Protein backbone atom coordinates (compact mmCIF):
# COMPACT_ATOMS: atom_id res chain seq x y z
CA MET A 1 34.04 -4.91 -41.21
CA LYS A 2 35.33 -6.02 -37.87
CA LYS A 3 36.84 -9.45 -37.53
CA LEU A 4 34.59 -12.38 -36.46
CA ARG A 5 35.62 -13.25 -33.00
CA TRP A 6 35.76 -17.01 -32.42
CA GLY A 7 35.65 -19.10 -29.31
CA ILE A 8 36.71 -22.84 -29.31
CA ILE A 9 34.85 -25.27 -27.24
CA GLY A 10 36.90 -28.38 -26.70
CA ALA A 11 40.55 -29.25 -27.13
CA ALA A 12 40.37 -32.04 -29.61
CA ASN A 13 42.98 -32.86 -32.09
CA ILE A 14 40.74 -31.84 -34.99
CA ALA A 15 40.63 -28.36 -33.48
CA LYS A 16 44.49 -28.36 -32.81
CA LYS A 17 45.63 -29.71 -36.25
CA GLN A 18 43.05 -28.39 -38.71
CA VAL A 19 40.37 -25.97 -37.51
CA ILE A 20 42.22 -23.49 -35.39
CA PRO A 21 44.94 -23.01 -38.04
CA ALA A 22 42.24 -22.63 -40.76
CA ILE A 23 40.45 -19.89 -38.77
CA GLN A 24 43.80 -18.10 -38.24
CA GLN A 25 44.48 -18.29 -41.96
CA ALA A 26 41.04 -17.07 -43.00
CA ASN A 27 40.33 -13.37 -43.49
CA GLU A 28 38.36 -11.26 -41.08
CA ALA A 29 38.64 -13.85 -38.31
CA GLU A 30 40.45 -14.16 -34.95
CA ILE A 31 40.28 -16.70 -32.14
CA ILE A 32 39.99 -14.89 -28.77
CA ALA A 33 38.90 -17.54 -26.42
CA ILE A 34 39.06 -21.39 -25.68
CA ALA A 35 37.39 -23.57 -23.17
CA SER A 36 38.19 -27.10 -22.15
CA ARG A 37 37.71 -29.19 -18.98
CA SER A 38 41.32 -30.16 -19.33
CA ARG A 39 43.31 -27.20 -17.89
CA GLU A 40 46.58 -28.66 -19.18
CA ARG A 41 45.28 -29.00 -22.69
CA VAL A 42 43.52 -25.62 -22.83
CA GLN A 43 46.71 -23.81 -21.51
CA GLN A 44 48.77 -25.70 -24.24
CA PHE A 45 46.40 -24.71 -27.02
CA ALA A 46 46.31 -21.03 -25.78
CA SER A 47 50.11 -20.96 -25.78
CA ASN A 48 50.59 -22.53 -29.09
CA PHE A 49 47.99 -20.38 -30.97
CA ASN A 50 48.27 -17.19 -28.93
CA ILE A 51 44.71 -17.39 -27.82
CA PRO A 52 44.13 -14.64 -25.13
CA ASN A 53 41.39 -15.97 -23.03
CA ILE A 54 41.10 -19.36 -21.29
CA TYR A 55 37.86 -20.65 -19.79
CA ASN A 56 37.57 -23.69 -17.59
CA THR A 57 33.88 -24.07 -18.38
CA TYR A 58 32.08 -23.96 -21.62
CA GLU A 59 29.40 -21.77 -19.98
CA GLU A 60 31.78 -19.01 -19.38
CA LEU A 61 32.98 -18.94 -23.00
CA ILE A 62 29.43 -19.09 -24.30
CA GLU A 63 28.40 -16.20 -21.93
CA SER A 64 31.31 -13.96 -22.96
CA PRO A 65 30.10 -10.85 -24.87
CA GLU A 66 33.37 -10.78 -26.75
CA VAL A 67 32.69 -14.04 -28.61
CA ASP A 68 30.65 -13.86 -31.81
CA ALA A 69 30.92 -17.41 -32.98
CA VAL A 70 31.94 -20.93 -31.50
CA TYR A 71 33.46 -24.01 -32.92
CA ILE A 72 32.26 -27.06 -31.08
CA ALA A 73 34.79 -29.98 -31.03
CA LEU A 74 33.34 -32.28 -28.37
CA PRO A 75 32.16 -35.89 -28.20
CA ASN A 76 29.19 -36.54 -30.44
CA THR A 77 26.69 -36.93 -27.64
CA HIS A 78 27.65 -33.45 -26.25
CA HIS A 79 27.03 -31.58 -29.47
CA LYS A 80 23.40 -30.76 -29.01
CA LYS A 81 23.56 -29.50 -25.49
CA TRP A 82 26.37 -26.97 -26.16
CA ALA A 83 25.18 -25.99 -29.56
CA LEU A 84 21.82 -25.14 -28.14
CA ALA A 85 23.39 -23.11 -25.13
CA ALA A 86 25.47 -21.12 -27.80
CA ILE A 87 22.55 -20.50 -30.06
CA GLN A 88 20.39 -19.29 -27.21
CA ALA A 89 23.27 -16.94 -26.31
CA LYS A 90 23.13 -15.60 -29.85
CA LYS A 91 26.45 -17.12 -30.91
CA HIS A 92 26.92 -18.49 -34.42
CA VAL A 93 27.87 -22.22 -34.33
CA LEU A 94 30.13 -24.38 -36.49
CA CYS A 95 29.86 -27.87 -34.94
CA GLU A 96 31.78 -31.03 -35.69
CA LYS A 97 30.15 -33.80 -37.49
CA PRO A 98 27.93 -35.47 -36.83
CA ILE A 99 26.16 -32.46 -35.39
CA VAL A 100 23.51 -34.74 -33.80
CA LEU A 101 22.64 -38.43 -33.53
CA GLN A 102 18.78 -37.81 -33.87
CA ALA A 103 17.13 -35.77 -36.51
CA SER A 104 14.68 -34.36 -34.12
CA ASP A 105 17.53 -32.71 -32.14
CA LEU A 106 18.67 -31.00 -35.34
CA GLN A 107 15.24 -29.77 -36.05
CA GLU A 108 15.20 -28.19 -32.62
CA LEU A 109 18.55 -26.56 -33.09
CA GLN A 110 17.64 -25.34 -36.51
CA SER A 111 14.38 -23.81 -35.10
CA GLU A 112 16.36 -22.13 -32.23
CA SER A 113 18.97 -20.76 -34.66
CA ARG A 114 16.20 -19.09 -36.78
CA LYS A 115 14.56 -17.78 -33.67
CA HIS A 116 17.79 -16.15 -32.41
CA GLY A 117 19.03 -15.09 -35.86
CA VAL A 118 22.27 -17.04 -35.84
CA ILE A 119 23.92 -19.51 -38.33
CA LEU A 120 24.20 -23.16 -37.46
CA MET A 121 26.43 -25.35 -39.62
CA GLU A 122 27.80 -28.87 -39.52
CA ALA A 123 31.49 -29.06 -40.27
CA PHE A 124 31.84 -31.15 -43.34
CA MET A 125 34.84 -29.44 -44.60
CA TYR A 126 35.29 -31.63 -47.63
CA ARG A 127 32.17 -30.04 -49.26
CA PHE A 128 33.98 -26.77 -49.56
CA HIS A 129 36.91 -28.14 -51.48
CA PRO A 130 36.61 -27.21 -55.19
CA GLN A 131 36.96 -30.75 -56.45
CA MET A 132 33.60 -31.59 -55.17
CA ALA A 133 31.84 -28.72 -56.99
CA LYS A 134 33.76 -29.64 -60.14
CA ALA A 135 32.87 -33.43 -59.82
CA LYS A 136 29.21 -32.56 -59.44
CA GLU A 137 29.38 -30.27 -62.43
CA LEU A 138 30.87 -32.80 -64.55
CA LEU A 139 28.13 -35.36 -63.58
CA LYS A 140 25.46 -32.80 -64.37
CA GLN A 141 27.13 -32.31 -67.77
CA GLY A 142 26.74 -35.97 -68.33
CA VAL A 143 30.45 -36.62 -69.02
CA ILE A 144 30.09 -40.34 -67.79
CA GLY A 145 26.46 -40.65 -68.94
CA ASP A 146 23.63 -41.47 -66.46
CA VAL A 147 25.03 -42.53 -63.04
CA LEU A 148 24.45 -46.12 -62.28
CA THR A 149 26.48 -46.90 -59.07
CA ILE A 150 28.44 -44.92 -56.49
CA ARG A 151 30.93 -46.37 -54.07
CA SER A 152 31.97 -44.01 -51.28
CA ARG A 153 34.44 -45.20 -48.65
CA PHE A 154 36.45 -43.93 -45.75
CA HIS A 155 38.89 -46.15 -43.65
CA PHE A 156 41.79 -45.65 -41.31
CA THR A 157 43.68 -47.74 -38.84
CA MET A 158 42.68 -47.07 -35.12
CA GLU A 159 45.84 -46.76 -32.94
CA ASP A 160 44.46 -46.68 -29.44
CA TRP A 161 41.62 -49.05 -29.09
CA ASP A 162 41.35 -48.87 -25.33
CA ASN A 163 41.31 -45.06 -24.88
CA ASP A 164 40.04 -43.34 -28.01
CA ILE A 165 36.62 -41.76 -27.45
CA ARG A 166 35.47 -43.13 -30.79
CA MET A 167 35.32 -46.56 -29.15
CA ASN A 168 33.01 -45.32 -26.36
CA PRO A 169 29.37 -46.12 -27.27
CA ASN A 170 28.10 -43.67 -24.59
CA LEU A 171 29.81 -40.89 -26.51
CA GLY A 172 28.33 -41.76 -29.93
CA GLY A 173 31.42 -43.66 -31.00
CA GLY A 174 31.66 -46.01 -33.88
CA ALA A 175 32.99 -46.17 -37.39
CA PHE A 176 29.81 -45.02 -39.02
CA ASN A 177 29.36 -41.87 -36.83
CA ASP A 178 33.07 -40.96 -37.16
CA ILE A 179 33.91 -41.59 -40.80
CA GLY A 180 30.97 -43.50 -42.39
CA CYS A 181 29.00 -40.13 -42.23
CA TYR A 182 31.40 -38.68 -44.82
CA PRO A 183 30.44 -41.18 -47.64
CA LEU A 184 26.77 -40.82 -46.89
CA ASN A 185 27.04 -37.07 -47.04
CA ALA A 186 28.94 -37.18 -50.28
CA ILE A 187 26.37 -39.22 -51.95
CA HIS A 188 23.68 -36.90 -51.04
CA TYR A 189 25.81 -33.92 -52.36
CA LEU A 190 26.51 -35.49 -55.71
CA ILE A 191 23.09 -36.80 -56.52
CA GLU A 192 20.58 -34.80 -54.53
CA GLU A 193 18.21 -37.69 -53.75
CA SER A 194 16.93 -39.50 -50.74
CA PRO A 195 17.17 -43.26 -50.72
CA ILE A 196 14.00 -45.35 -51.00
CA ASN A 197 15.76 -48.43 -49.47
CA VAL A 198 18.60 -48.97 -47.07
CA GLN A 199 20.40 -52.06 -45.83
CA ALA A 200 23.35 -52.02 -43.39
CA LEU A 201 25.75 -54.38 -41.65
CA ALA A 202 28.26 -53.86 -38.94
CA GLY A 203 31.15 -55.71 -37.44
CA LYS A 204 31.42 -54.68 -33.66
CA SER A 205 33.97 -54.76 -30.93
CA ASP A 206 33.55 -56.16 -27.50
CA LYS A 207 32.46 -52.67 -26.50
CA GLN A 208 29.53 -53.04 -28.86
CA VAL A 209 30.81 -50.23 -31.08
CA ASP A 210 30.67 -50.67 -34.79
CA THR A 211 34.16 -50.92 -36.15
CA HIS A 212 33.56 -52.00 -39.76
CA VAL A 213 30.43 -51.14 -41.69
CA ALA A 214 28.86 -51.69 -45.10
CA VAL A 215 25.65 -49.96 -46.33
CA GLN A 216 23.75 -50.30 -49.43
CA LEU A 217 21.15 -47.70 -50.69
CA ASN A 218 18.99 -47.36 -53.78
CA TYR A 219 17.50 -44.17 -55.06
CA PRO A 220 14.34 -43.29 -56.94
CA SER A 221 16.31 -42.56 -60.12
CA GLY A 222 17.62 -46.15 -59.99
CA ILE A 223 21.13 -45.26 -58.76
CA LEU A 224 22.59 -47.78 -56.41
CA ALA A 225 25.18 -46.78 -53.82
CA GLN A 226 27.46 -48.57 -51.33
CA ILE A 227 29.28 -47.10 -48.31
CA ASP A 228 31.99 -48.75 -46.31
CA ALA A 229 34.04 -47.58 -43.54
CA SER A 230 36.29 -49.07 -40.86
CA PHE A 231 38.87 -48.59 -38.18
CA TYR A 232 40.90 -51.41 -39.41
CA ALA A 233 42.25 -50.63 -42.87
CA PRO A 234 44.96 -48.23 -44.17
CA MET A 235 43.77 -44.72 -44.78
CA THR A 236 41.53 -44.59 -47.86
CA HIS A 237 38.87 -41.95 -48.49
CA ALA A 238 37.66 -42.24 -52.05
CA ILE A 239 34.58 -42.07 -54.32
CA ASP A 240 34.09 -44.27 -57.39
CA ILE A 241 31.24 -43.59 -59.82
CA ILE A 242 30.13 -45.78 -62.77
CA GLY A 243 27.99 -44.33 -65.54
CA THR A 244 26.54 -45.40 -68.82
CA LYS A 245 29.35 -43.74 -70.77
CA GLY A 246 32.32 -43.89 -68.46
CA THR A 247 33.66 -43.85 -64.84
CA MET A 248 34.90 -41.23 -62.33
CA GLN A 249 37.15 -41.51 -59.33
CA LEU A 250 38.01 -39.11 -56.56
CA PRO A 251 40.94 -40.76 -54.71
CA PHE A 252 41.26 -38.01 -52.12
CA ALA A 253 37.71 -37.13 -51.64
CA PHE A 254 37.54 -36.33 -47.85
CA ARG A 255 41.01 -35.55 -46.66
CA SER A 256 42.76 -33.60 -49.50
CA ASP A 257 44.94 -32.18 -46.77
CA LEU A 258 46.73 -35.63 -46.74
CA ASN A 259 47.65 -34.98 -50.47
CA ASN A 260 48.97 -31.49 -49.97
CA HIS A 261 45.43 -30.09 -50.16
CA GLU A 262 45.06 -31.38 -53.78
CA GLY A 263 41.87 -32.99 -54.99
CA ILE A 264 42.05 -35.15 -58.03
CA ILE A 265 39.21 -36.10 -60.40
CA GLN A 266 39.96 -38.93 -62.82
CA TYR A 267 37.40 -39.87 -65.39
CA GLU A 268 36.90 -41.79 -68.57
CA SER A 269 34.52 -40.78 -71.11
CA ASN A 270 33.90 -42.45 -74.50
CA ASN A 271 37.20 -44.23 -74.22
CA GLU A 272 39.11 -41.05 -73.40
CA SER A 273 40.87 -40.45 -70.03
CA TYR A 274 41.03 -37.07 -68.20
CA ILE A 275 42.64 -35.95 -64.97
CA ILE A 276 41.60 -32.70 -63.21
CA THR A 277 43.41 -31.33 -60.24
CA GLU A 278 41.81 -28.82 -57.84
CA SER A 279 43.94 -27.32 -55.03
CA ALA A 280 42.53 -25.62 -51.85
CA ASN A 281 42.59 -26.01 -48.11
CA ALA A 282 39.17 -27.42 -47.35
CA TYR A 283 39.33 -26.32 -43.70
CA VAL A 284 40.09 -22.64 -44.71
CA GLU A 285 37.35 -22.73 -47.37
CA GLN A 286 34.82 -23.96 -44.89
CA ILE A 287 35.64 -21.10 -42.48
CA LYS A 288 35.31 -18.58 -45.23
CA ALA A 289 31.94 -20.08 -46.30
CA PHE A 290 30.77 -19.99 -42.61
CA GLN A 291 31.75 -16.38 -42.24
CA LEU A 292 30.15 -15.52 -45.54
CA ALA A 293 26.87 -17.21 -44.39
CA ILE A 294 27.00 -14.99 -41.31
CA GLN A 295 27.39 -11.84 -43.44
CA ASN A 296 24.44 -12.99 -45.78
CA ASN A 297 22.46 -14.43 -42.88
CA GLU A 298 21.95 -17.52 -45.09
CA LEU A 299 23.79 -20.94 -45.22
CA PRO A 300 25.88 -21.64 -48.26
CA LEU A 301 24.15 -23.19 -51.20
CA ASN A 302 26.32 -26.34 -51.02
CA TYR A 303 25.18 -27.12 -47.43
CA THR A 304 21.76 -25.88 -46.73
CA ALA A 305 19.69 -26.42 -43.73
CA ALA A 306 17.50 -28.89 -45.65
CA GLN A 307 20.56 -30.91 -46.65
CA MET A 308 21.82 -30.95 -43.15
CA LEU A 309 18.50 -32.26 -41.96
CA GLN A 310 18.52 -34.98 -44.68
CA GLN A 311 21.95 -36.04 -43.55
CA ALA A 312 20.71 -36.34 -39.93
CA ILE A 313 17.64 -38.27 -40.94
CA GLU A 314 19.61 -40.90 -42.98
CA LEU A 315 22.42 -41.11 -40.25
CA GLU A 316 19.76 -41.98 -37.73
CA LYS A 317 18.12 -44.50 -39.86
CA ILE A 318 21.27 -46.28 -40.68
CA ASN A 319 22.45 -46.33 -37.04
CA GLN A 320 19.14 -47.99 -36.08
CA LEU A 321 19.92 -50.69 -38.68
CA LEU A 322 23.54 -50.95 -37.40
CA HIS A 323 22.55 -51.32 -33.78
């Protein structure tokens, strides 16, 4: 089988630090092109990663017959336009989260991806780290009994408050879109339910961007969940679960790469304590899953089209409450 030929749209840090190296580490993949409106950055990326083709416009890359798939690393409000353009050019699309800010936009993209026979996936890399599948398996086995509450959180300290695009409301900025979307996604992954009630609060900057959010959700099964995220606190990205027979913690739930790619599951059951360690590069596993989806012409079971749409629906609802 020939290698999947990737094009990179956007020269964001996430592309430079995590995704481009992951594509280059994955089997049957090569990066042949990159496009950015910053000529200096695109030339730097091309030089650092030996990418042979540089484009000054996204259209040129998308129209290239040599590109099979694109990774989109643009501001949130630009995702839909360029994902749609790539899909209509019959390119497979891996797009940074949140893929869209309105559920109707995702429905359109998914309809177009089916029409043109390409794979469209949102880049929640943490889902592909084996710690998540193991945690879900343990919950289904009932090791901590029936789940009562889940707290899922993601915080880090913003460094450049004036220039970071995450502080720009016109680009879909804010703590919830940037990092709060991870805890929301994780709760959906672990319990496979849609909330019947949602409450949300936000602290905002003078730019009217949410910088500190707290969300409460309750589910048909009776599970209560809490999400919190901010740009103020030291890095923390954890999940805590309380059940009728014990507790479970994932202290490196979303950025296991910050813990040498090791995910840790700590749980107590019937007064006994257990620790399970799972090791993998979540970004590489995501690329492998995406490429396998292309081969099979079907999204991976741990992030289906229906699950992506559920995420978009809840993200939009919560953003309406926050703003």
